[in-house]
């Protein structure tokens, strides 16, 4: 989680820093805005990454439930055929 904060913070810092230099703003304002953007970007990155992880957890849970249901159906089907063969 720490790396997500650092990566997003670095990306936001770089974007705002280059945009500020490109806009011919004073260097002090560019650095201040870039530092604020780094913190905001890091927090936004953590929020976004938490949502990505939640979506992955839900997807895995749904796939696991579907696989369990399919396995249960196969066991029941095999059980029915075994009973039918035993009756013959």
N, C-alpha and C. Protein backbone atom coordinates (compact mmCIF):
# COMPACT_ATOMS: atom_id res chain seq x y z
N UNK A 1 0.82 -1.18 0.00
CA UNK A 1 0.00 0.00 0.00
C UNK A 1 0.87 1.25 0.00
N UNK A 2 2.02 1.16 0.67
CA UNK A 2 2.92 2.31 0.71
C UNK A 2 3.43 2.64 -0.69
N UNK A 3 3.67 1.60 -1.49
CA UNK A 3 4.20 1.83 -2.83
C UNK A 3 3.15 2.48 -3.73
N UNK A 4 1.91 2.15 -3.53
CA UNK A 4 0.84 2.79 -4.30
C UNK A 4 0.82 4.27 -4.00
N UNK A 5 0.91 4.63 -2.73
CA UNK A 5 0.95 6.04 -2.34
C UNK A 5 2.14 6.74 -2.99
N UNK A 6 3.30 6.10 -2.94
CA UNK A 6 4.50 6.72 -3.51
C UNK A 6 4.42 6.85 -5.03
N UNK A 7 3.93 5.83 -5.70
CA UNK A 7 3.86 5.87 -7.16
C UNK A 7 2.87 6.94 -7.62
N UNK A 8 1.67 6.92 -7.06
CA UNK A 8 0.69 7.93 -7.46
C UNK A 8 1.14 9.33 -7.08
N UNK A 9 1.75 9.47 -5.90
CA UNK A 9 2.27 10.78 -5.49
C UNK A 9 3.34 11.28 -6.45
N UNK A 10 4.23 10.38 -6.86
CA UNK A 10 5.28 10.78 -7.80
C UNK A 10 4.69 11.18 -9.15
N UNK A 11 3.73 10.41 -9.62
CA UNK A 11 3.12 10.72 -10.92
C UNK A 11 2.42 12.08 -10.87
N UNK A 12 1.65 12.33 -9.81
CA UNK A 12 0.95 13.62 -9.71
C UNK A 12 1.95 14.76 -9.55
N UNK A 13 3.01 14.54 -8.75
CA UNK A 13 4.02 15.58 -8.58
C UNK A 13 4.65 15.91 -9.93
N UNK A 14 5.02 14.90 -10.68
CA UNK A 14 5.67 15.12 -11.97
C UNK A 14 4.76 15.85 -12.94
N UNK A 15 3.50 15.43 -13.00
CA UNK A 15 2.55 16.07 -13.92
C UNK A 15 2.36 17.54 -13.58
N UNK A 16 2.12 17.85 -12.32
CA UNK A 16 1.88 19.23 -11.92
C UNK A 16 3.15 20.06 -12.05
N UNK A 17 4.29 19.47 -11.73
CA UNK A 17 5.55 20.19 -11.83
C UNK A 17 5.83 20.58 -13.28
N UNK A 18 5.70 19.62 -14.20
CA UNK A 18 5.96 19.94 -15.61
C UNK A 18 4.91 20.89 -16.17
N UNK A 19 3.67 20.74 -15.76
CA UNK A 19 2.63 21.66 -16.23
C UNK A 19 2.89 23.07 -15.72
N UNK A 20 3.34 23.18 -14.46
CA UNK A 20 3.64 24.50 -13.91
C UNK A 20 4.81 25.16 -14.60
N UNK A 21 5.86 24.39 -14.89
CA UNK A 21 7.00 24.96 -15.62
C UNK A 21 6.60 25.36 -17.03
N UNK A 22 5.78 24.53 -17.65
CA UNK A 22 5.34 24.81 -19.02
C UNK A 22 4.48 26.07 -19.06
N UNK A 23 3.75 26.36 -17.97
CA UNK A 23 2.89 27.54 -17.91
C UNK A 23 3.65 28.80 -17.49
N UNK A 24 4.96 28.70 -17.34
CA UNK A 24 5.82 29.83 -16.97
C UNK A 24 5.42 30.48 -15.64
N UNK A 25 5.10 29.64 -14.65
CA UNK A 25 4.83 30.14 -13.31
C UNK A 25 6.14 30.24 -12.55
N UNK A 26 6.12 30.96 -11.43
CA UNK A 26 7.34 31.07 -10.63
C UNK A 26 7.67 29.71 -10.03
N UNK A 27 8.96 29.49 -9.82
CA UNK A 27 9.41 28.17 -9.37
C UNK A 27 8.85 27.81 -7.99
N UNK A 28 8.74 28.79 -7.11
CA UNK A 28 8.22 28.52 -5.76
C UNK A 28 6.77 28.04 -5.83
N UNK A 29 5.96 28.65 -6.68
CA UNK A 29 4.57 28.22 -6.83
C UNK A 29 4.47 26.84 -7.48
N UNK A 30 5.35 26.58 -8.42
CA UNK A 30 5.35 25.29 -9.09
C UNK A 30 5.66 24.18 -8.09
N UNK A 31 6.67 24.38 -7.26
CA UNK A 31 7.06 23.36 -6.28
C UNK A 31 5.96 23.19 -5.23
N UNK A 32 5.38 24.31 -4.76
CA UNK A 32 4.30 24.21 -3.78
C UNK A 32 3.12 23.43 -4.33
N UNK A 33 2.68 23.78 -5.54
CA UNK A 33 1.55 23.09 -6.15
C UNK A 33 1.86 21.62 -6.41
N UNK A 34 3.09 21.33 -6.79
CA UNK A 34 3.48 19.95 -7.06
C UNK A 34 3.50 19.14 -5.76
N UNK A 35 3.93 19.73 -4.67
CA UNK A 35 3.93 19.02 -3.38
C UNK A 35 2.51 18.73 -2.91
N UNK A 36 1.63 19.69 -3.05
CA UNK A 36 0.23 19.46 -2.70
C UNK A 36 -0.37 18.39 -3.59
N UNK A 37 -0.05 18.42 -4.87
CA UNK A 37 -0.55 17.41 -5.80
C UNK A 37 -0.01 16.02 -5.46
N UNK A 38 1.21 15.94 -4.96
CA UNK A 38 1.77 14.65 -4.58
C UNK A 38 0.99 14.03 -3.43
N UNK A 39 0.64 14.82 -2.44
CA UNK A 39 -0.14 14.29 -1.30
C UNK A 39 -1.54 13.90 -1.75
N UNK A 40 -2.18 14.78 -2.50
CA UNK A 40 -3.53 14.49 -2.98
C UNK A 40 -3.51 13.29 -3.92
N UNK A 41 -2.53 13.20 -4.78
CA UNK A 41 -2.42 12.07 -5.68
C UNK A 41 -2.17 10.76 -4.96
N UNK A 42 -1.35 10.80 -3.92
CA UNK A 42 -1.11 9.60 -3.13
C UNK A 42 -2.37 9.11 -2.44
N UNK A 43 -3.14 10.03 -1.87
CA UNK A 43 -4.39 9.65 -1.21
C UNK A 43 -5.41 9.14 -2.23
N UNK A 44 -5.48 9.80 -3.37
CA UNK A 44 -6.40 9.33 -4.43
C UNK A 44 -5.97 7.96 -4.94
N UNK A 45 -4.66 7.73 -5.02
CA UNK A 45 -4.16 6.44 -5.45
C UNK A 45 -4.51 5.34 -4.47
N UNK A 46 -4.42 5.63 -3.17
CA UNK A 46 -4.81 4.64 -2.17
C UNK A 46 -6.29 4.33 -2.27
N UNK A 47 -7.11 5.35 -2.42
CA UNK A 47 -8.56 5.15 -2.54
C UNK A 47 -8.86 4.29 -3.77
N UNK A 48 -8.26 4.64 -4.89
CA UNK A 48 -8.49 3.89 -6.12
C UNK A 48 -8.01 2.44 -5.98
N UNK A 49 -6.84 2.23 -5.40
CA UNK A 49 -6.29 0.88 -5.26
C UNK A 49 -7.15 0.03 -4.32
N UNK A 50 -7.70 0.64 -3.29
CA UNK A 50 -8.61 -0.10 -2.41
C UNK A 50 -9.84 -0.58 -3.18
N UNK A 51 -10.36 0.26 -4.07
CA UNK A 51 -11.51 -0.15 -4.88
C UNK A 51 -11.13 -1.25 -5.88
N UNK A 52 -9.94 -1.18 -6.42
CA UNK A 52 -9.48 -2.24 -7.33
C UNK A 52 -9.36 -3.56 -6.57
N UNK A 53 -8.78 -3.53 -5.38
CA UNK A 53 -8.64 -4.75 -4.59
C UNK A 53 -10.00 -5.32 -4.19
N UNK A 54 -10.95 -4.45 -3.83
CA UNK A 54 -12.29 -4.92 -3.49
C UNK A 54 -12.95 -5.59 -4.68
N UNK A 55 -12.79 -5.00 -5.86
CA UNK A 55 -13.37 -5.60 -7.07
C UNK A 55 -12.75 -6.96 -7.36
N UNK A 56 -11.45 -7.08 -7.15
CA UNK A 56 -10.79 -8.37 -7.37
C UNK A 56 -11.27 -9.41 -6.36
N UNK A 57 -11.45 -9.00 -5.10
CA UNK A 57 -11.95 -9.93 -4.08
C UNK A 57 -13.36 -10.42 -4.44
N UNK A 58 -14.21 -9.51 -4.88
CA UNK A 58 -15.57 -9.89 -5.26
C UNK A 58 -15.55 -10.82 -6.45
N UNK A 59 -14.72 -10.54 -7.43
CA UNK A 59 -14.63 -11.39 -8.62
C UNK A 59 -14.17 -12.79 -8.24
N UNK A 60 -13.17 -12.90 -7.39
CA UNK A 60 -12.67 -14.21 -6.96
C UNK A 60 -13.75 -14.95 -6.19
N UNK A 61 -14.48 -14.25 -5.33
CA UNK A 61 -15.53 -14.89 -4.54
C UNK A 61 -16.65 -15.41 -5.45
N UNK A 62 -17.03 -14.63 -6.46
CA UNK A 62 -18.08 -15.06 -7.39
C UNK A 62 -17.62 -16.26 -8.20
N UNK A 63 -16.39 -16.23 -8.69
CA UNK A 63 -15.87 -17.36 -9.46
C UNK A 63 -15.75 -18.61 -8.59
N UNK A 64 -15.33 -18.45 -7.34
CA UNK A 64 -15.22 -19.59 -6.44
C UNK A 64 -16.60 -20.17 -6.15
N UNK A 65 -17.60 -19.31 -5.96
CA UNK A 65 -18.95 -19.79 -5.70
C UNK A 65 -19.50 -20.53 -6.91
N UNK A 66 -19.23 -20.02 -8.12
CA UNK A 66 -19.69 -20.69 -9.33
C UNK A 66 -19.00 -22.05 -9.50
N UNK A 67 -17.72 -22.11 -9.21
CA UNK A 67 -17.00 -23.38 -9.31
C UNK A 67 -17.50 -24.38 -8.29
N UNK A 68 -17.79 -23.91 -7.08
CA UNK A 68 -18.33 -24.80 -6.05
C UNK A 68 -19.70 -25.32 -6.44
N UNK A 69 -20.53 -24.45 -7.02
CA UNK A 69 -21.86 -24.89 -7.45
C UNK A 69 -21.76 -25.91 -8.58
N UNK A 70 -20.82 -25.69 -9.51
CA UNK A 70 -20.64 -26.64 -10.62
C UNK A 70 -20.11 -27.97 -10.09
N UNK A 71 -19.21 -27.94 -9.14
CA UNK A 71 -18.68 -29.18 -8.56
C UNK A 71 -19.77 -29.93 -7.80
N UNK A 72 -20.61 -29.22 -7.09
CA UNK A 72 -21.71 -29.84 -6.37
C UNK A 72 -22.70 -30.48 -7.34
N UNK A 73 -22.99 -29.78 -8.45
CA UNK A 73 -23.89 -30.33 -9.45
C UNK A 73 -23.29 -31.59 -10.08
N UNK A 74 -22.00 -31.58 -10.34
CA UNK A 74 -21.33 -32.77 -10.90
C UNK A 74 -21.37 -33.94 -9.92
N UNK A 75 -21.14 -33.66 -8.62
CA UNK A 75 -21.20 -34.73 -7.63
C UNK A 75 -22.61 -35.32 -7.54
N UNK A 76 -23.61 -34.46 -7.59
CA UNK A 76 -24.98 -34.95 -7.53
C UNK A 76 -25.32 -35.76 -8.78
N UNK A 77 -24.85 -35.29 -9.94
CA UNK A 77 -25.12 -36.00 -11.19
C UNK A 77 -24.44 -37.37 -11.17
N UNK A 78 -23.19 -37.42 -10.71
CA UNK A 78 -22.48 -38.70 -10.63
C UNK A 78 -23.15 -39.62 -9.62
N UNK A 79 -23.63 -39.07 -8.53
CA UNK A 79 -24.32 -39.86 -7.53
C UNK A 79 -25.61 -40.46 -8.06
N UNK A 80 -26.33 -39.69 -8.87
CA UNK A 80 -27.57 -40.19 -9.46
C UNK A 80 -27.29 -41.31 -10.44
N UNK A 81 -26.24 -41.19 -11.24
CA UNK A 81 -25.93 -42.24 -12.20
C UNK A 81 -25.44 -43.49 -11.49
N UNK A 82 -24.75 -43.34 -10.38
CA UNK A 82 -24.29 -44.51 -9.63
C UNK A 82 -25.47 -45.24 -9.03
N UNK A 83 -26.46 -44.49 -8.56
CA UNK A 83 -27.65 -45.11 -7.99
C UNK A 83 -28.45 -45.81 -9.09
N UNK A 84 -28.54 -45.19 -10.26
CA UNK A 84 -29.28 -45.78 -11.37
C UNK A 84 -28.60 -47.07 -11.84
N UNK A 85 -27.26 -47.11 -11.87
CA UNK A 85 -26.54 -48.31 -12.27
C UNK A 85 -26.71 -49.41 -11.23
N UNK A 86 -26.76 -49.04 -9.96
CA UNK A 86 -26.90 -50.03 -8.90
C UNK A 86 -28.28 -50.68 -8.93
N UNK A 87 -29.29 -49.92 -9.34
CA UNK A 87 -30.64 -50.47 -9.42
C UNK A 87 -30.80 -51.49 -10.53
N UNK A 88 -30.01 -51.34 -11.60
CA UNK A 88 -30.10 -52.26 -12.75
C UNK A 88 -29.50 -53.53 -12.41
